Structure formats: structure tokens, C-alpha cells
Amino acid sequence: MKARSPRSRARSWVLQILYAWELAGDGPLLEYGESALAQRRIADRYRPYVDRLLGGLDRHLPEVDARLEETLANWRIERLSAIDRGILRIGAIEILKFSDVPHKVAIHEAICLAERYGSDDSPRFVNGVLDAVSRNTPVAG
């Protein structure tokens, strides 16, 4: 089995934080994330990317959700499972705002999260939604 990269592990941590944040139901994401991270032991090599993802989502969540909803024909993002919603948000922030993450990598990593944490239908669903977001987002260079 191939070892997971620090960024892959960081994405898993962020998915867990997003899920718990939604269950908590209130407060700014970044504040919740910092509090959650203070209570967990996360290796130092994961923290920079965890912080980057949480910061990006905290700043751009309305934009990320709007872009995701544009691709969800007749669906509202609130109707998705919390896991699928979190995975899509992580992939979308990377596609929309992280020029150092190729779109294909963001999509692949999101599919891996969906395979690991989502339902049987999640990987195909995540792939379709993020592929549509990627097609409508110029590659920064």
C-alpha cells in the first residue's frame, strides 16, 4: 500500500474538522478549526496544509459553495451528506484558489477521500462535480 502524502493526510484532517464543525452547527470555521486542532495531536508536517485549507475555506466558503451549486443540477448543497459536502469543498477550494495544486490532483485527492469516507456513490459523484468546476475554472499560471 502506497504511503499517503502529508497533503493527503492534511485533507483527511480537514474533512474531519469540517464534519465536526457542521455537527456543532455554529461559529466561524477558522475558530472552530483552531479549537479542534488544539485538542488533537497532529504531526507538524500536516499543520501547514491543514491551516491553509481551513483558512481558504473560512475566507471563501460562500464563493466555494456558490460554484458547487452552479454544477449541482436541481440540488442545493445543504441536501448533500456532510461528508460529500466537505470533500467537495476541499476539492473546490484547491481548484479555485490554490494555483500550486493542479486541478487533476485536487480531483484525484477528493475521489480518494470519497472512496475512504463516503458512500458507494460518492467517488463518481465527487468526480463529476469537481470535473465540472474545473472545466469552468481557468488554470492559474
N, C-alpha and C. Protein backbone atom coordinates (compact mmCIF):
# COMPACT_ATOMS: atom_id res chain seq x y z
N MET A 1 0.85 -1.19 0.00
CA MET A 1 0.00 0.00 0.00
C MET A 1 0.89 1.25 0.00
N LYS A 2 0.57 2.15 -0.86
CA LYS A 2 1.34 3.38 -1.01
C LYS A 2 1.12 4.30 0.20
N ALA A 3 2.21 4.87 0.71
CA ALA A 3 2.11 5.82 1.83
C ALA A 3 1.40 7.08 1.37
N ARG A 4 0.60 7.63 2.24
CA ARG A 4 -0.11 8.86 1.90
C ARG A 4 0.79 10.06 2.14
N SER A 5 0.68 11.05 1.27
CA SER A 5 1.50 12.25 1.37
C SER A 5 1.00 13.12 2.53
N PRO A 6 1.86 14.03 3.00
CA PRO A 6 1.41 14.96 4.05
C PRO A 6 0.17 15.75 3.64
N ARG A 7 0.08 16.15 2.38
CA ARG A 7 -1.11 16.90 1.94
C ARG A 7 -2.35 16.01 1.96
N SER A 8 -2.20 14.75 1.58
CA SER A 8 -3.34 13.82 1.62
C SER A 8 -3.83 13.65 3.05
N ARG A 9 -2.90 13.47 3.97
CA ARG A 9 -3.27 13.33 5.38
C ARG A 9 -3.92 14.62 5.89
N ALA A 10 -3.39 15.76 5.47
CA ALA A 10 -3.95 17.05 5.89
C ALA A 10 -5.40 17.17 5.40
N ARG A 11 -5.66 16.74 4.17
CA ARG A 11 -7.03 16.79 3.66
C ARG A 11 -7.97 15.94 4.52
N SER A 12 -7.50 14.79 4.96
CA SER A 12 -8.32 13.93 5.83
C SER A 12 -8.63 14.63 7.14
N TRP A 13 -7.63 15.30 7.71
CA TRP A 13 -7.86 16.05 8.96
C TRP A 13 -8.89 17.15 8.73
N VAL A 14 -8.76 17.86 7.63
CA VAL A 14 -9.69 18.96 7.35
C VAL A 14 -11.10 18.42 7.14
N LEU A 15 -11.23 17.28 6.48
CA LEU A 15 -12.56 16.69 6.31
C LEU A 15 -13.18 16.37 7.67
N GLN A 16 -12.40 15.82 8.57
CA GLN A 16 -12.90 15.52 9.91
C GLN A 16 -13.33 16.79 10.64
N ILE A 17 -12.54 17.85 10.50
CA ILE A 17 -12.87 19.13 11.14
C ILE A 17 -14.15 19.72 10.53
N LEU A 18 -14.27 19.69 9.20
CA LEU A 18 -15.48 20.20 8.54
C LEU A 18 -16.72 19.44 9.01
N TYR A 19 -16.59 18.13 9.12
CA TYR A 19 -17.72 17.31 9.55
C TYR A 19 -18.14 17.69 10.98
N ALA A 20 -17.17 17.77 11.87
CA ALA A 20 -17.47 18.12 13.27
C ALA A 20 -18.02 19.54 13.37
N TRP A 21 -17.50 20.47 12.56
CA TRP A 21 -17.97 21.85 12.55
C TRP A 21 -19.45 21.91 12.16
N GLU A 22 -19.80 21.14 11.14
CA GLU A 22 -21.21 21.11 10.72
C GLU A 22 -22.10 20.54 11.81
N LEU A 23 -21.63 19.50 12.50
CA LEU A 23 -22.42 18.93 13.59
C LEU A 23 -22.58 19.92 14.74
N ALA A 24 -21.54 20.71 14.99
CA ALA A 24 -21.60 21.71 16.06
C ALA A 24 -22.61 22.80 15.71
N GLY A 25 -22.71 23.12 14.41
CA GLY A 25 -23.77 23.99 13.96
C GLY A 25 -23.59 25.49 14.12
N ASP A 26 -22.47 25.95 14.63
CA ASP A 26 -22.34 27.40 14.74
C ASP A 26 -20.88 27.81 14.83
N GLY A 27 -20.66 29.10 14.67
CA GLY A 27 -19.34 29.69 14.80
C GLY A 27 -18.54 29.68 13.51
N PRO A 28 -17.58 30.58 13.44
CA PRO A 28 -16.70 30.65 12.27
C PRO A 28 -15.86 29.39 12.15
N LEU A 29 -15.68 28.94 10.93
CA LEU A 29 -14.92 27.72 10.67
C LEU A 29 -13.51 27.80 11.22
N LEU A 30 -12.82 28.91 10.97
CA LEU A 30 -11.42 29.00 11.39
C LEU A 30 -11.29 28.90 12.91
N GLU A 31 -12.16 29.57 13.63
CA GLU A 31 -12.12 29.47 15.10
C GLU A 31 -12.41 28.05 15.56
N TYR A 32 -13.40 27.41 14.95
CA TYR A 32 -13.71 26.04 15.32
C TYR A 32 -12.52 25.13 15.01
N GLY A 33 -11.93 25.32 13.85
CA GLY A 33 -10.78 24.50 13.44
C GLY A 33 -9.61 24.65 14.39
N GLU A 34 -9.31 25.88 14.77
CA GLU A 34 -8.19 26.11 15.70
C GLU A 34 -8.45 25.44 17.04
N SER A 35 -9.68 25.53 17.51
CA SER A 35 -10.05 24.89 18.77
C SER A 35 -9.94 23.36 18.66
N ALA A 36 -10.42 22.81 17.56
CA ALA A 36 -10.36 21.36 17.36
C ALA A 36 -8.92 20.89 17.25
N LEU A 37 -8.10 21.65 16.55
CA LEU A 37 -6.70 21.27 16.38
C LEU A 37 -5.93 21.33 17.70
N ALA A 38 -6.32 22.24 18.58
CA ALA A 38 -5.65 22.36 19.88
C ALA A 38 -5.92 21.13 20.74
N GLN A 39 -7.00 20.42 20.45
CA GLN A 39 -7.38 19.25 21.23
C GLN A 39 -6.88 17.94 20.62
N ARG A 40 -6.22 18.01 19.49
CA ARG A 40 -5.77 16.80 18.79
C ARG A 40 -4.28 16.84 18.57
N ARG A 41 -3.72 15.67 18.46
CA ARG A 41 -2.29 15.57 18.16
C ARG A 41 -2.11 15.32 16.67
N ILE A 42 -1.70 16.37 15.99
CA ILE A 42 -1.47 16.29 14.55
C ILE A 42 0.00 16.57 14.30
N ALA A 43 0.63 15.72 13.52
CA ALA A 43 2.05 15.87 13.22
C ALA A 43 2.31 17.24 12.59
N ASP A 44 3.43 17.83 12.96
CA ASP A 44 3.79 19.16 12.46
C ASP A 44 3.82 19.24 10.94
N ARG A 45 4.16 18.15 10.28
CA ARG A 45 4.26 18.20 8.82
C ARG A 45 2.90 18.36 8.14
N TYR A 46 1.81 18.07 8.84
CA TYR A 46 0.47 18.23 8.27
C TYR A 46 -0.12 19.61 8.51
N ARG A 47 0.32 20.26 9.57
CA ARG A 47 -0.31 21.51 10.01
C ARG A 47 -0.31 22.62 8.97
N PRO A 48 0.78 22.87 8.25
CA PRO A 48 0.72 24.00 7.31
C PRO A 48 -0.39 23.85 6.27
N TYR A 49 -0.58 22.64 5.75
CA TYR A 49 -1.62 22.48 4.73
C TYR A 49 -3.00 22.44 5.36
N VAL A 50 -3.12 21.88 6.55
CA VAL A 50 -4.40 21.94 7.27
C VAL A 50 -4.79 23.40 7.47
N ASP A 51 -3.85 24.20 7.97
CA ASP A 51 -4.12 25.63 8.20
C ASP A 51 -4.46 26.36 6.91
N ARG A 52 -3.78 26.02 5.84
CA ARG A 52 -4.04 26.67 4.55
C ARG A 52 -5.45 26.34 4.04
N LEU A 53 -5.82 25.07 4.12
CA LEU A 53 -7.16 24.68 3.68
C LEU A 53 -8.24 25.33 4.54
N LEU A 54 -8.08 25.27 5.86
CA LEU A 54 -9.08 25.87 6.74
C LEU A 54 -9.18 27.38 6.52
N GLY A 55 -8.04 28.03 6.38
CA GLY A 55 -8.04 29.48 6.14
C GLY A 55 -8.71 29.83 4.82
N GLY A 56 -8.40 29.07 3.78
CA GLY A 56 -9.02 29.31 2.48
C GLY A 56 -10.52 29.10 2.52
N LEU A 57 -10.95 28.03 3.17
CA LEU A 57 -12.39 27.78 3.28
C LEU A 57 -13.07 28.81 4.15
N ASP A 58 -12.42 29.24 5.20
CA ASP A 58 -13.01 30.26 6.07
C ASP A 58 -13.23 31.56 5.29
N ARG A 59 -12.26 31.94 4.47
CA ARG A 59 -12.36 33.19 3.71
C ARG A 59 -13.28 33.09 2.51
N HIS A 60 -13.35 31.92 1.89
CA HIS A 60 -14.02 31.82 0.59
C HIS A 60 -15.20 30.84 0.55
N LEU A 61 -15.71 30.42 1.70
CA LEU A 61 -16.77 29.41 1.71
C LEU A 61 -18.01 29.82 0.90
N PRO A 62 -18.51 31.06 1.00
CA PRO A 62 -19.68 31.40 0.17
C PRO A 62 -19.40 31.26 -1.33
N GLU A 63 -18.20 31.67 -1.75
CA GLU A 63 -17.85 31.54 -3.17
C GLU A 63 -17.72 30.07 -3.57
N VAL A 64 -17.08 29.27 -2.72
CA VAL A 64 -16.92 27.84 -2.99
C VAL A 64 -18.29 27.19 -3.11
N ASP A 65 -19.16 27.44 -2.15
CA ASP A 65 -20.49 26.84 -2.18
C ASP A 65 -21.29 27.29 -3.41
N ALA A 66 -21.17 28.56 -3.77
CA ALA A 66 -21.88 29.06 -4.95
C ALA A 66 -21.40 28.34 -6.22
N ARG A 67 -20.09 28.16 -6.34
CA ARG A 67 -19.55 27.46 -7.52
C ARG A 67 -19.99 26.00 -7.54
N LEU A 68 -20.04 25.37 -6.37
CA LEU A 68 -20.50 23.99 -6.32
C LEU A 68 -21.98 23.90 -6.70
N GLU A 69 -22.78 24.82 -6.19
CA GLU A 69 -24.21 24.78 -6.51
C GLU A 69 -24.48 25.02 -7.99
N GLU A 70 -23.61 25.80 -8.65
CA GLU A 70 -23.76 26.00 -10.09
C GLU A 70 -23.69 24.67 -10.84
N THR A 71 -22.94 23.73 -10.32
CA THR A 71 -22.75 22.45 -11.00
C THR A 71 -23.72 21.37 -10.55
N LEU A 72 -24.44 21.63 -9.46
CA LEU A 72 -25.38 20.65 -8.92
C LEU A 72 -26.76 20.92 -9.50
N ALA A 73 -27.07 20.27 -10.59
CA ALA A 73 -28.36 20.49 -11.25
C ALA A 73 -29.50 20.12 -10.32
N ASN A 74 -30.33 21.12 -10.03
CA ASN A 74 -31.52 20.92 -9.20
C ASN A 74 -31.22 20.41 -7.79
N TRP A 75 -30.05 20.68 -7.28
CA TRP A 75 -29.68 20.29 -5.92
C TRP A 75 -29.16 21.50 -5.19
N ARG A 76 -29.40 21.52 -3.91
CA ARG A 76 -28.79 22.54 -3.04
C ARG A 76 -27.70 21.85 -2.25
N ILE A 77 -26.65 22.56 -1.99
CA ILE A 77 -25.51 21.96 -1.30
C ILE A 77 -25.90 21.42 0.08
N GLU A 78 -26.90 22.05 0.70
CA GLU A 78 -27.34 21.60 2.02
C GLU A 78 -27.96 20.20 1.97
N ARG A 79 -28.41 19.77 0.81
CA ARG A 79 -29.04 18.45 0.68
C ARG A 79 -28.02 17.32 0.59
N LEU A 80 -26.77 17.64 0.37
CA LEU A 80 -25.73 16.62 0.28
C LEU A 80 -25.39 16.10 1.67
N SER A 81 -24.80 14.91 1.72
CA SER A 81 -24.32 14.42 3.01
C SER A 81 -23.18 15.33 3.47
N ALA A 82 -23.00 15.43 4.76
CA ALA A 82 -21.93 16.28 5.30
C ALA A 82 -20.56 15.84 4.80
N ILE A 83 -20.37 14.54 4.62
CA ILE A 83 -19.08 14.04 4.12
C ILE A 83 -18.87 14.47 2.68
N ASP A 84 -19.85 14.24 1.82
CA ASP A 84 -19.70 14.64 0.41
C ASP A 84 -19.52 16.15 0.30
N ARG A 85 -20.27 16.90 1.08
CA ARG A 85 -20.16 18.37 1.06
C ARG A 85 -18.75 18.79 1.47
N GLY A 86 -18.20 18.20 2.51
CA GLY A 86 -16.85 18.54 2.96
C GLY A 86 -15.80 18.19 1.92
N ILE A 87 -15.93 17.02 1.31
CA ILE A 87 -14.98 16.61 0.27
C ILE A 87 -15.04 17.57 -0.91
N LEU A 88 -16.24 17.91 -1.34
CA LEU A 88 -16.38 18.85 -2.46
C LEU A 88 -15.79 20.22 -2.11
N ARG A 89 -15.99 20.67 -0.90
CA ARG A 89 -15.44 21.97 -0.50
C ARG A 89 -13.92 21.95 -0.52
N ILE A 90 -13.32 20.88 -0.05
CA ILE A 90 -11.85 20.78 -0.06
C ILE A 90 -11.34 20.78 -1.50
N GLY A 91 -11.94 19.97 -2.35
CA GLY A 91 -11.51 19.94 -3.76
C GLY A 91 -11.73 21.26 -4.46
N ALA A 92 -12.87 21.88 -4.18
CA ALA A 92 -13.19 23.15 -4.86
C ALA A 92 -12.26 24.27 -4.43
N ILE A 93 -11.92 24.36 -3.15
CA ILE A 93 -11.03 25.45 -2.73
C ILE A 93 -9.66 25.28 -3.40
N GLU A 94 -9.22 24.04 -3.55
CA GLU A 94 -7.94 23.82 -4.23
C GLU A 94 -8.02 24.20 -5.71
N ILE A 95 -9.11 23.85 -6.37
CA ILE A 95 -9.27 24.19 -7.78
C ILE A 95 -9.39 25.70 -7.96
N LEU A 96 -10.18 26.35 -7.11
CA LEU A 96 -10.47 27.76 -7.30
C LEU A 96 -9.37 28.69 -6.82
N LYS A 97 -8.65 28.32 -5.75
CA LYS A 97 -7.77 29.29 -5.10
C LYS A 97 -6.31 28.87 -4.94
N PHE A 98 -5.97 27.60 -5.15
CA PHE A 98 -4.60 27.13 -4.91
C PHE A 98 -3.92 26.86 -6.25
N SER A 99 -3.22 27.85 -6.77
CA SER A 99 -2.62 27.71 -8.09
C SER A 99 -1.49 26.67 -8.12
N ASP A 100 -0.97 26.29 -6.96
CA ASP A 100 0.09 25.28 -6.93
C ASP A 100 -0.45 23.85 -6.90
N VAL A 101 -1.76 23.68 -6.89
CA VAL A 101 -2.37 22.35 -6.91
C VAL A 101 -3.05 22.18 -8.27
N PRO A 102 -2.51 21.30 -9.12
CA PRO A 102 -3.17 21.07 -10.41
C PRO A 102 -4.59 20.57 -10.21
N HIS A 103 -5.48 20.98 -11.09
CA HIS A 103 -6.88 20.59 -10.97
C HIS A 103 -7.02 19.07 -10.89
N LYS A 104 -6.27 18.35 -11.73
CA LYS A 104 -6.37 16.88 -11.74
C LYS A 104 -5.97 16.30 -10.39
N VAL A 105 -5.00 16.89 -9.74
CA VAL A 105 -4.57 16.41 -8.42
C VAL A 105 -5.67 16.67 -7.39
N ALA A 106 -6.26 17.86 -7.42
CA ALA A 106 -7.34 18.18 -6.49
C ALA A 106 -8.51 17.21 -6.66
N ILE A 107 -8.85 16.90 -7.90
CA ILE A 107 -9.95 15.97 -8.17
C ILE A 107 -9.58 14.56 -7.70
N HIS A 108 -8.39 14.11 -8.04
CA HIS A 108 -7.95 12.77 -7.63
C HIS A 108 -7.95 12.63 -6.11
N GLU A 109 -7.43 13.63 -5.43
CA GLU A 109 -7.39 13.57 -3.96
C GLU A 109 -8.80 13.56 -3.37
N ALA A 110 -9.71 14.31 -3.97
CA ALA A 110 -11.10 14.32 -3.50
C ALA A 110 -11.75 12.95 -3.72
N ILE A 111 -11.47 12.34 -4.85
CA ILE A 111 -12.00 11.00 -5.11
C ILE A 111 -11.46 10.01 -4.08
N CYS A 112 -10.18 10.12 -3.74
CA CYS A 112 -9.60 9.24 -2.72
C CYS A 112 -10.30 9.43 -1.38
N LEU A 113 -10.58 10.68 -1.01
CA LEU A 113 -11.33 10.93 0.23
C LEU A 113 -12.72 10.30 0.15
N ALA A 114 -13.37 10.44 -1.00
CA ALA A 114 -14.71 9.88 -1.18
C ALA A 114 -14.69 8.36 -1.08
N GLU A 115 -13.66 7.74 -1.63
CA GLU A 115 -13.54 6.27 -1.53
C GLU A 115 -13.33 5.84 -0.08
N ARG A 116 -12.59 6.63 0.64
CA ARG A 116 -12.25 6.28 2.02
C ARG A 116 -13.40 6.57 3.00
N TYR A 117 -14.08 7.71 2.83
CA TYR A 117 -15.04 8.16 3.83
C TYR A 117 -16.49 8.23 3.35
N GLY A 118 -16.71 8.24 2.05
CA GLY A 118 -18.05 8.45 1.53
C GLY A 118 -18.82 7.16 1.30
N SER A 119 -19.95 7.30 0.65
CA SER A 119 -20.80 6.16 0.30
C SER A 119 -20.26 5.51 -0.99
N ASP A 120 -20.92 4.45 -1.42
CA ASP A 120 -20.50 3.78 -2.66
C ASP A 120 -20.60 4.70 -3.86
N ASP A 121 -21.55 5.63 -3.84
CA ASP A 121 -21.76 6.54 -4.97
C ASP A 121 -20.89 7.80 -4.90
N SER A 122 -20.28 8.04 -3.76
CA SER A 122 -19.54 9.29 -3.55
C SER A 122 -18.40 9.52 -4.53
N PRO A 123 -17.53 8.53 -4.81
CA PRO A 123 -16.41 8.82 -5.71
C PRO A 123 -16.85 9.31 -7.09
N ARG A 124 -17.83 8.65 -7.68
CA ARG A 124 -18.30 9.06 -9.01
C ARG A 124 -18.96 10.45 -8.95
N PHE A 125 -19.74 10.69 -7.90
CA PHE A 125 -20.42 11.97 -7.72
C PHE A 125 -19.39 13.10 -7.56
N VAL A 126 -18.42 12.91 -6.68
CA VAL A 126 -17.37 13.91 -6.43
C VAL A 126 -16.60 14.19 -7.71
N ASN A 127 -16.25 13.14 -8.44
CA ASN A 127 -15.53 13.31 -9.69
C ASN A 127 -16.33 14.18 -10.66
N GLY A 128 -17.61 13.88 -10.83
CA GLY A 128 -18.43 14.64 -11.77
C GLY A 128 -18.56 16.11 -11.39
N VAL A 129 -18.81 16.38 -10.13
CA VAL A 129 -19.00 17.77 -9.69
C VAL A 129 -17.69 18.55 -9.82
N LEU A 130 -16.61 17.99 -9.32
CA LEU A 130 -15.33 18.73 -9.35
C LEU A 130 -14.78 18.85 -10.78
N ASP A 131 -15.06 17.87 -11.62
CA ASP A 131 -14.65 17.99 -13.02
C ASP A 131 -15.37 19.17 -13.67
N ALA A 132 -16.65 19.34 -13.36
CA ALA A 132 -17.40 20.47 -13.91
C ALA A 132 -16.87 21.80 -13.37
N VAL A 133 -16.54 21.85 -12.08
CA VAL A 133 -15.94 23.07 -11.51
C VAL A 133 -14.62 23.37 -12.21
N SER A 134 -13.81 22.33 -12.41
CA SER A 134 -12.50 22.51 -13.04
C SER A 134 -12.64 23.01 -14.48
N ARG A 135 -13.58 22.44 -15.23
CA ARG A 135 -13.76 22.87 -16.63
C ARG A 135 -14.12 24.34 -16.73
N ASN A 136 -14.76 24.88 -15.72
CA ASN A 136 -15.19 26.28 -15.73
C ASN A 136 -14.26 27.20 -14.95
N THR A 137 -13.06 26.70 -14.63
CA THR A 137 -12.09 27.49 -13.88
C THR A 137 -10.77 27.49 -14.63
N PRO A 138 -10.29 28.67 -15.06
CA PRO A 138 -9.02 28.71 -15.75
C PRO A 138 -7.88 28.26 -14.81
N VAL A 139 -6.91 27.58 -15.40
CA VAL A 139 -5.75 27.16 -14.63
C VAL A 139 -4.85 28.37 -14.43
N ALA A 140 -4.56 28.67 -13.17
CA ALA A 140 -3.68 29.81 -12.86
C ALA A 140 -2.26 29.45 -13.22
N GLY A 141 -1.54 30.40 -13.69
CA GLY A 141 -0.19 30.07 -14.07
C GLY A 141 0.64 31.22 -14.03
